[in-house]
Amino acid sequence: MRKLALLAPLLLLQGCVGLAVGTYGTYEHAQQHAQLVRAEIIARHGEPDRIKRQGECEVLSYFEGYNWQGIGAFVAVVPVPLVAPTSRQERRFYIKSGKAVAEVREFGEVKSVYGFMCGSNECGFVAGPAHPELTESVMVRQCDE
């Protein structure tokens, strides 16, 4: 019974196990939206929080919370974060000739990590960028044409 009482909480644990430190920051993701028009975006999302120009485009910005940056440690199964809000998280629609050419959304994610981790059926020492495939700042090239 004692062993069962000790092992039962382990069944409730999710995710990773290890000893590591990492940094947390912001990335951006772009989607193409050639079918949306400016009026439709405003009807769905309301009046934008900010409107600016970028090259040939009008940029409608909607604030969706805060971007968090900082560091954290992962000890055994317990994450210990030390993060703070550093800016507003935005969702931006790039409008050219009345139609959306792109939507860019910001999101937070682990940027770099150093230590030993087990997760996703893999274990090993990790050091460096956590997600080299992600983009920190998206360039909307259609606005430069």
N, C-alpha and C. Protein backbone atom coordinates (compact mmCIF):
# COMPACT_ATOMS: atom_id res chain seq x y z
N MET A 1 0.82 -1.20 0.00
CA MET A 1 0.00 0.00 0.00
C MET A 1 0.87 1.26 0.00
N ARG A 2 1.96 1.20 0.74
CA ARG A 2 2.87 2.35 0.80
C ARG A 2 3.47 2.63 -0.58
N LYS A 3 3.88 1.56 -1.29
CA LYS A 3 4.44 1.74 -2.63
C LYS A 3 3.41 2.36 -3.57
N LEU A 4 2.18 1.90 -3.45
CA LEU A 4 1.12 2.44 -4.29
C LEU A 4 0.90 3.92 -3.99
N ALA A 5 0.96 4.29 -2.74
CA ALA A 5 0.78 5.70 -2.35
C ALA A 5 1.92 6.56 -2.89
N LEU A 6 3.12 6.00 -3.00
CA LEU A 6 4.25 6.75 -3.55
C LEU A 6 4.22 6.81 -5.07
N LEU A 7 3.73 5.75 -5.71
CA LEU A 7 3.72 5.70 -7.17
C LEU A 7 2.50 6.38 -7.79
N ALA A 8 1.39 6.44 -7.08
CA ALA A 8 0.16 7.03 -7.63
C ALA A 8 0.35 8.46 -8.12
N PRO A 9 1.03 9.35 -7.37
CA PRO A 9 1.22 10.71 -7.88
C PRO A 9 2.02 10.76 -9.19
N LEU A 10 2.88 9.77 -9.42
CA LEU A 10 3.67 9.75 -10.65
C LEU A 10 2.77 9.61 -11.88
N LEU A 11 1.62 8.95 -11.73
CA LEU A 11 0.70 8.80 -12.85
C LEU A 11 0.08 10.14 -13.25
N LEU A 12 0.06 11.09 -12.34
CA LEU A 12 -0.53 12.39 -12.62
C LEU A 12 0.45 13.35 -13.29
N LEU A 13 1.72 13.00 -13.31
CA LEU A 13 2.72 13.88 -13.90
C LEU A 13 2.64 13.82 -15.42
N GLN A 14 2.89 14.97 -16.04
CA GLN A 14 2.86 15.05 -17.50
C GLN A 14 4.15 15.68 -17.98
N GLY A 15 4.43 15.48 -19.25
CA GLY A 15 5.51 16.23 -19.87
C GLY A 15 6.89 15.69 -19.62
N CYS A 16 7.79 16.59 -19.24
CA CYS A 16 9.22 16.32 -19.21
C CYS A 16 9.75 16.08 -17.80
N VAL A 17 10.92 15.47 -17.77
CA VAL A 17 11.67 15.25 -16.54
C VAL A 17 13.10 15.64 -16.84
N GLY A 18 13.78 16.28 -15.89
CA GLY A 18 15.17 16.63 -16.13
C GLY A 18 15.68 17.70 -15.21
N LEU A 19 16.86 18.19 -15.55
CA LEU A 19 17.49 19.29 -14.83
C LEU A 19 18.05 20.22 -15.90
N ALA A 20 17.40 21.38 -16.08
CA ALA A 20 17.79 22.28 -17.16
C ALA A 20 17.37 23.70 -16.84
N VAL A 21 18.00 24.65 -17.53
CA VAL A 21 17.59 26.05 -17.48
C VAL A 21 17.33 26.50 -18.92
N GLY A 22 16.48 27.51 -19.05
CA GLY A 22 16.17 27.99 -20.39
C GLY A 22 15.69 29.41 -20.36
N THR A 23 15.59 29.99 -21.55
CA THR A 23 15.06 31.34 -21.69
C THR A 23 13.72 31.26 -22.43
N TYR A 24 12.88 32.24 -22.18
CA TYR A 24 11.55 32.30 -22.75
C TYR A 24 11.39 33.62 -23.48
N GLY A 25 10.80 33.59 -24.67
CA GLY A 25 10.65 34.83 -25.44
C GLY A 25 9.53 34.73 -26.46
N THR A 26 9.56 35.63 -27.44
CA THR A 26 8.46 35.78 -28.39
C THR A 26 8.89 35.42 -29.81
N TYR A 27 8.00 34.74 -30.51
CA TYR A 27 8.15 34.42 -31.92
C TYR A 27 6.95 34.96 -32.69
N GLU A 28 7.03 34.93 -34.03
CA GLU A 28 5.92 35.34 -34.87
C GLU A 28 5.62 34.26 -35.91
N HIS A 29 4.34 34.18 -36.28
CA HIS A 29 3.90 33.23 -37.30
C HIS A 29 3.00 33.96 -38.29
N ALA A 30 3.25 33.78 -39.58
CA ALA A 30 2.47 34.47 -40.62
C ALA A 30 1.58 33.48 -41.36
N GLN A 31 0.39 33.95 -41.72
CA GLN A 31 -0.54 33.20 -42.56
C GLN A 31 -0.99 34.11 -43.70
N GLN A 32 -1.27 33.52 -44.84
CA GLN A 32 -1.78 34.28 -45.98
C GLN A 32 -3.31 34.33 -45.90
N HIS A 33 -3.89 35.50 -46.15
CA HIS A 33 -5.34 35.67 -46.07
C HIS A 33 -5.85 36.51 -47.23
N ALA A 34 -5.61 36.12 -48.45
CA ALA A 34 -6.01 36.91 -49.61
C ALA A 34 -7.52 37.01 -49.77
N GLN A 35 -8.28 36.11 -49.12
CA GLN A 35 -9.73 36.13 -49.28
C GLN A 35 -10.42 37.13 -48.35
N LEU A 36 -9.76 37.61 -47.31
CA LEU A 36 -10.38 38.55 -46.37
C LEU A 36 -10.23 39.99 -46.86
N VAL A 37 -11.29 40.78 -46.67
CA VAL A 37 -11.22 42.21 -46.98
C VAL A 37 -11.21 42.98 -45.67
N ARG A 38 -10.77 44.23 -45.74
CA ARG A 38 -10.61 45.08 -44.55
C ARG A 38 -11.88 45.15 -43.71
N ALA A 39 -13.03 45.39 -44.35
CA ALA A 39 -14.30 45.52 -43.63
C ALA A 39 -14.67 44.23 -42.89
N GLU A 40 -14.36 43.09 -43.49
CA GLU A 40 -14.65 41.80 -42.87
C GLU A 40 -13.79 41.59 -41.62
N ILE A 41 -12.53 41.99 -41.68
CA ILE A 41 -11.65 41.87 -40.51
C ILE A 41 -12.18 42.72 -39.36
N ILE A 42 -12.57 43.95 -39.65
CA ILE A 42 -13.09 44.84 -38.60
C ILE A 42 -14.42 44.32 -38.07
N ALA A 43 -15.25 43.73 -38.93
CA ALA A 43 -16.52 43.16 -38.46
C ALA A 43 -16.28 41.99 -37.51
N ARG A 44 -15.26 41.18 -37.78
CA ARG A 44 -14.95 40.02 -36.94
C ARG A 44 -14.22 40.39 -35.65
N HIS A 45 -13.28 41.33 -35.74
CA HIS A 45 -12.39 41.61 -34.60
C HIS A 45 -12.63 42.95 -33.94
N GLY A 46 -13.50 43.78 -34.50
CA GLY A 46 -13.74 45.10 -33.95
C GLY A 46 -12.72 46.10 -34.47
N GLU A 47 -12.83 47.32 -33.94
CA GLU A 47 -11.89 48.37 -34.35
C GLU A 47 -10.48 48.00 -33.87
N PRO A 48 -9.47 48.18 -34.71
CA PRO A 48 -8.10 47.84 -34.31
C PRO A 48 -7.60 48.77 -33.20
N ASP A 49 -6.68 48.24 -32.39
CA ASP A 49 -6.06 49.04 -31.33
C ASP A 49 -5.08 50.05 -31.90
N ARG A 50 -4.52 49.73 -33.07
CA ARG A 50 -3.57 50.64 -33.71
C ARG A 50 -3.59 50.40 -35.22
N ILE A 51 -3.45 51.48 -35.98
CA ILE A 51 -3.35 51.39 -37.44
C ILE A 51 -2.08 52.13 -37.85
N LYS A 52 -1.25 51.49 -38.68
CA LYS A 52 -0.04 52.15 -39.18
C LYS A 52 0.18 51.73 -40.63
N ARG A 53 1.14 52.35 -41.27
CA ARG A 53 1.51 52.02 -42.65
C ARG A 53 2.87 51.33 -42.65
N GLN A 54 3.00 50.35 -43.51
CA GLN A 54 4.28 49.69 -43.74
C GLN A 54 4.40 49.48 -45.24
N GLY A 55 5.21 50.30 -45.87
CA GLY A 55 5.35 50.22 -47.32
C GLY A 55 4.03 50.46 -48.01
N GLU A 56 3.60 49.48 -48.81
CA GLU A 56 2.34 49.57 -49.56
C GLU A 56 1.14 49.14 -48.73
N CYS A 57 1.36 48.69 -47.50
CA CYS A 57 0.28 48.11 -46.69
C CYS A 57 -0.18 49.00 -45.55
N GLU A 58 -1.44 48.83 -45.21
CA GLU A 58 -2.00 49.37 -43.98
C GLU A 58 -1.99 48.20 -43.00
N VAL A 59 -1.52 48.43 -41.78
CA VAL A 59 -1.41 47.36 -40.79
C VAL A 59 -2.40 47.62 -39.66
N LEU A 60 -3.35 46.67 -39.49
CA LEU A 60 -4.33 46.74 -38.41
C LEU A 60 -3.81 45.87 -37.27
N SER A 61 -3.59 46.46 -36.09
CA SER A 61 -3.04 45.72 -34.95
C SER A 61 -4.08 45.56 -33.86
N TYR A 62 -4.18 44.34 -33.35
CA TYR A 62 -5.07 44.01 -32.24
C TYR A 62 -4.21 43.47 -31.10
N PHE A 63 -4.36 44.01 -29.91
CA PHE A 63 -3.59 43.56 -28.76
C PHE A 63 -4.31 42.37 -28.12
N GLU A 64 -3.55 41.31 -27.84
CA GLU A 64 -4.13 40.07 -27.32
C GLU A 64 -3.46 39.62 -26.03
N GLY A 65 -3.09 40.52 -25.18
CA GLY A 65 -2.44 40.13 -23.94
C GLY A 65 -1.02 40.65 -23.91
N TYR A 66 -0.15 39.93 -23.23
CA TYR A 66 1.23 40.38 -23.04
C TYR A 66 2.22 39.33 -23.51
N ASN A 67 3.38 39.80 -23.96
CA ASN A 67 4.52 38.93 -24.25
C ASN A 67 5.33 38.81 -22.97
N TRP A 68 5.75 37.60 -22.68
CA TRP A 68 6.53 37.34 -21.47
C TRP A 68 7.93 36.92 -21.87
N GLN A 69 8.92 37.42 -21.15
CA GLN A 69 10.30 37.02 -21.38
C GLN A 69 10.96 36.77 -20.04
N GLY A 70 11.95 35.89 -20.05
CA GLY A 70 12.67 35.61 -18.81
C GLY A 70 13.41 34.29 -18.90
N ILE A 71 13.70 33.75 -17.73
CA ILE A 71 14.42 32.49 -17.63
C ILE A 71 13.63 31.55 -16.74
N GLY A 72 13.99 30.30 -16.79
CA GLY A 72 13.34 29.33 -15.94
C GLY A 72 14.24 28.13 -15.73
N ALA A 73 14.00 27.44 -14.66
CA ALA A 73 14.73 26.21 -14.37
C ALA A 73 13.72 25.07 -14.35
N PHE A 74 14.18 23.91 -14.71
CA PHE A 74 13.35 22.71 -14.68
C PHE A 74 14.07 21.72 -13.79
N VAL A 75 13.54 21.49 -12.59
CA VAL A 75 14.18 20.61 -11.61
C VAL A 75 13.27 19.40 -11.42
N ALA A 76 13.76 18.23 -11.81
CA ALA A 76 12.99 16.99 -11.79
C ALA A 76 11.74 17.19 -12.64
N VAL A 77 10.57 17.33 -12.02
CA VAL A 77 9.33 17.51 -12.78
C VAL A 77 8.70 18.88 -12.51
N VAL A 78 9.41 19.75 -11.79
CA VAL A 78 8.85 21.04 -11.39
C VAL A 78 9.49 22.18 -12.18
N PRO A 79 8.70 22.90 -13.01
CA PRO A 79 9.24 24.09 -13.67
C PRO A 79 9.25 25.27 -12.70
N VAL A 80 10.35 26.02 -12.68
CA VAL A 80 10.48 27.19 -11.81
C VAL A 80 10.72 28.41 -12.70
N PRO A 81 9.65 29.14 -13.07
CA PRO A 81 9.82 30.27 -14.00
C PRO A 81 10.15 31.57 -13.29
N LEU A 82 10.92 32.41 -13.96
CA LEU A 82 11.18 33.78 -13.53
C LEU A 82 10.98 34.64 -14.78
N VAL A 83 9.73 35.02 -15.02
CA VAL A 83 9.38 35.75 -16.23
C VAL A 83 8.61 37.02 -15.87
N ALA A 84 8.60 37.95 -16.80
CA ALA A 84 7.89 39.21 -16.61
C ALA A 84 7.29 39.65 -17.95
N PRO A 85 6.16 40.35 -17.91
CA PRO A 85 5.60 40.88 -19.15
C PRO A 85 6.49 42.00 -19.68
N THR A 86 6.84 41.94 -20.96
CA THR A 86 7.76 42.93 -21.52
C THR A 86 7.14 43.79 -22.62
N SER A 87 6.06 43.32 -23.23
CA SER A 87 5.39 44.09 -24.27
C SER A 87 4.01 43.49 -24.50
N ARG A 88 3.23 44.16 -25.33
CA ARG A 88 1.91 43.64 -25.67
C ARG A 88 2.01 42.63 -26.80
N GLN A 89 1.22 41.58 -26.70
CA GLN A 89 1.16 40.58 -27.76
C GLN A 89 0.19 41.07 -28.83
N GLU A 90 0.60 41.01 -30.08
CA GLU A 90 -0.19 41.56 -31.17
C GLU A 90 -0.61 40.52 -32.19
N ARG A 91 -1.72 40.81 -32.81
CA ARG A 91 -2.18 40.11 -34.01
C ARG A 91 -2.32 41.20 -35.05
N ARG A 92 -1.58 41.08 -36.16
CA ARG A 92 -1.55 42.14 -37.17
C ARG A 92 -2.07 41.62 -38.52
N PHE A 93 -2.93 42.42 -39.12
CA PHE A 93 -3.42 42.13 -40.47
C PHE A 93 -2.80 43.16 -41.41
N TYR A 94 -2.18 42.69 -42.49
CA TYR A 94 -1.55 43.55 -43.49
C TYR A 94 -2.50 43.67 -44.67
N ILE A 95 -2.98 44.89 -44.92
CA ILE A 95 -3.99 45.15 -45.94
C ILE A 95 -3.34 45.89 -47.11
N LYS A 96 -3.55 45.35 -48.33
CA LYS A 96 -3.05 46.00 -49.54
C LYS A 96 -4.18 46.03 -50.55
N SER A 97 -4.52 47.20 -51.04
CA SER A 97 -5.62 47.39 -51.99
C SER A 97 -6.94 46.86 -51.43
N GLY A 98 -7.16 47.05 -50.13
CA GLY A 98 -8.41 46.66 -49.50
C GLY A 98 -8.51 45.21 -49.09
N LYS A 99 -7.51 44.38 -49.43
CA LYS A 99 -7.54 42.95 -49.10
C LYS A 99 -6.36 42.59 -48.20
N ALA A 100 -6.59 41.62 -47.31
CA ALA A 100 -5.52 41.16 -46.43
C ALA A 100 -4.54 40.30 -47.22
N VAL A 101 -3.26 40.63 -47.12
CA VAL A 101 -2.24 39.80 -47.77
C VAL A 101 -1.56 38.88 -46.77
N ALA A 102 -1.66 39.22 -45.47
CA ALA A 102 -1.05 38.37 -44.45
C ALA A 102 -1.63 38.70 -43.08
N GLU A 103 -1.57 37.71 -42.20
CA GLU A 103 -1.89 37.89 -40.78
C GLU A 103 -0.67 37.40 -40.01
N VAL A 104 -0.18 38.21 -39.08
CA VAL A 104 0.98 37.83 -38.27
C VAL A 104 0.54 37.78 -36.81
N ARG A 105 0.81 36.64 -36.16
CA ARG A 105 0.47 36.48 -34.74
C ARG A 105 1.75 36.25 -33.95
N GLU A 106 1.83 36.90 -32.80
CA GLU A 106 2.94 36.70 -31.88
C GLU A 106 2.56 35.63 -30.86
N PHE A 107 3.55 34.86 -30.42
CA PHE A 107 3.31 33.86 -29.38
C PHE A 107 4.59 33.63 -28.60
N GLY A 108 4.45 33.20 -27.36
CA GLY A 108 5.59 32.94 -26.50
C GLY A 108 6.00 31.48 -26.54
N GLU A 109 7.30 31.25 -26.40
CA GLU A 109 7.83 29.88 -26.43
C GLU A 109 9.23 29.88 -25.83
N VAL A 110 9.69 28.71 -25.41
CA VAL A 110 11.06 28.55 -24.92
C VAL A 110 12.01 28.85 -26.07
N LYS A 111 13.00 29.72 -25.83
CA LYS A 111 13.94 30.10 -26.90
C LYS A 111 15.22 29.27 -26.87
N SER A 112 15.80 29.10 -25.70
CA SER A 112 17.03 28.32 -25.61
C SER A 112 17.00 27.50 -24.33
N VAL A 113 17.78 26.43 -24.33
CA VAL A 113 17.78 25.53 -23.18
C VAL A 113 19.17 24.93 -23.00
N TYR A 114 19.50 24.63 -21.75
CA TYR A 114 20.78 24.00 -21.42
C TYR A 114 20.53 23.04 -20.26
N GLY A 115 20.82 21.75 -20.47
CA GLY A 115 20.67 20.77 -19.41
C GLY A 115 20.29 19.41 -19.95
N PHE A 116 19.87 18.53 -19.05
CA PHE A 116 19.48 17.17 -19.41
C PHE A 116 17.97 17.06 -19.27
N MET A 117 17.31 16.61 -20.33
CA MET A 117 15.85 16.53 -20.34
C MET A 117 15.39 15.20 -20.93
N CYS A 118 14.25 14.73 -20.43
CA CYS A 118 13.55 13.59 -21.01
C CYS A 118 12.13 14.04 -21.31
N GLY A 119 11.70 13.86 -22.53
CA GLY A 119 10.35 14.23 -22.94
C GLY A 119 10.12 13.81 -24.37
N SER A 120 8.89 13.58 -24.74
CA SER A 120 8.53 13.14 -26.10
C SER A 120 9.29 11.87 -26.48
N ASN A 121 9.43 10.96 -25.54
CA ASN A 121 10.11 9.67 -25.75
C ASN A 121 11.58 9.81 -26.11
N GLU A 122 12.19 10.94 -25.77
CA GLU A 122 13.62 11.15 -26.03
C GLU A 122 14.28 11.69 -24.77
N CYS A 123 15.50 11.23 -24.49
CA CYS A 123 16.28 11.75 -23.37
C CYS A 123 17.65 12.16 -23.88
N GLY A 124 18.21 13.20 -23.27
CA GLY A 124 19.55 13.59 -23.65
C GLY A 124 19.91 14.97 -23.17
N PHE A 125 21.19 15.30 -23.37
CA PHE A 125 21.70 16.62 -23.02
C PHE A 125 21.33 17.58 -24.14
N VAL A 126 20.81 18.73 -23.78
CA VAL A 126 20.44 19.73 -24.78
C VAL A 126 21.12 21.05 -24.47
N ALA A 127 21.55 21.75 -25.51
CA ALA A 127 22.17 23.07 -25.35
C ALA A 127 21.97 23.85 -26.63
N GLY A 128 21.46 25.06 -26.50
CA GLY A 128 21.29 25.91 -27.68
C GLY A 128 19.84 26.27 -27.92
N PRO A 129 19.54 26.69 -29.15
CA PRO A 129 18.17 27.10 -29.47
C PRO A 129 17.20 25.94 -29.31
N ALA A 130 16.06 26.23 -28.69
CA ALA A 130 15.06 25.19 -28.48
C ALA A 130 14.23 24.96 -29.74
N HIS A 131 14.00 26.02 -30.51
CA HIS A 131 13.16 25.93 -31.71
C HIS A 131 13.78 26.71 -32.86
N PRO A 132 14.84 26.19 -33.48
CA PRO A 132 15.48 26.93 -34.57
C PRO A 132 14.57 27.10 -35.79
N GLU A 133 13.51 26.32 -35.88
CA GLU A 133 12.60 26.42 -37.02
C GLU A 133 11.63 27.59 -36.91
N LEU A 134 11.52 28.20 -35.73
CA LEU A 134 10.59 29.32 -35.53
C LEU A 134 11.23 30.65 -35.89
N THR A 135 10.40 31.64 -36.20
CA THR A 135 10.86 32.96 -36.63
C THR A 135 10.56 34.00 -35.57
N GLU A 136 11.56 34.81 -35.23
CA GLU A 136 11.36 35.86 -34.23
C GLU A 136 10.63 37.06 -34.81
N SER A 137 10.90 37.39 -36.05
CA SER A 137 10.28 38.57 -36.67
C SER A 137 9.97 38.26 -38.13
N VAL A 138 8.69 38.27 -38.48
CA VAL A 138 8.25 37.94 -39.83
C VAL A 138 8.29 39.18 -40.71
N MET A 139 8.80 39.03 -41.92
CA MET A 139 8.79 40.11 -42.92
C MET A 139 7.66 39.82 -43.90
N VAL A 140 6.77 40.77 -44.09
CA VAL A 140 5.68 40.63 -45.06
C VAL A 140 6.13 41.30 -46.35
N ARG A 141 6.63 40.50 -47.27
CA ARG A 141 7.25 41.01 -48.49
C ARG A 141 6.25 41.63 -49.46
N GLN A 142 4.98 41.25 -49.38
CA GLN A 142 3.97 41.80 -50.29
C GLN A 142 3.82 43.31 -50.10
N CYS A 143 4.21 43.82 -48.94
CA CYS A 143 4.07 45.26 -48.66
C CYS A 143 5.17 46.08 -49.32
N ASP A 144 6.24 45.43 -49.75
CA ASP A 144 7.38 46.13 -50.35
C ASP A 144 7.27 46.23 -51.87
N GLU A 145 6.31 45.55 -52.46
CA GLU A 145 6.19 45.50 -53.93
C GLU A 145 5.61 46.78 -54.49
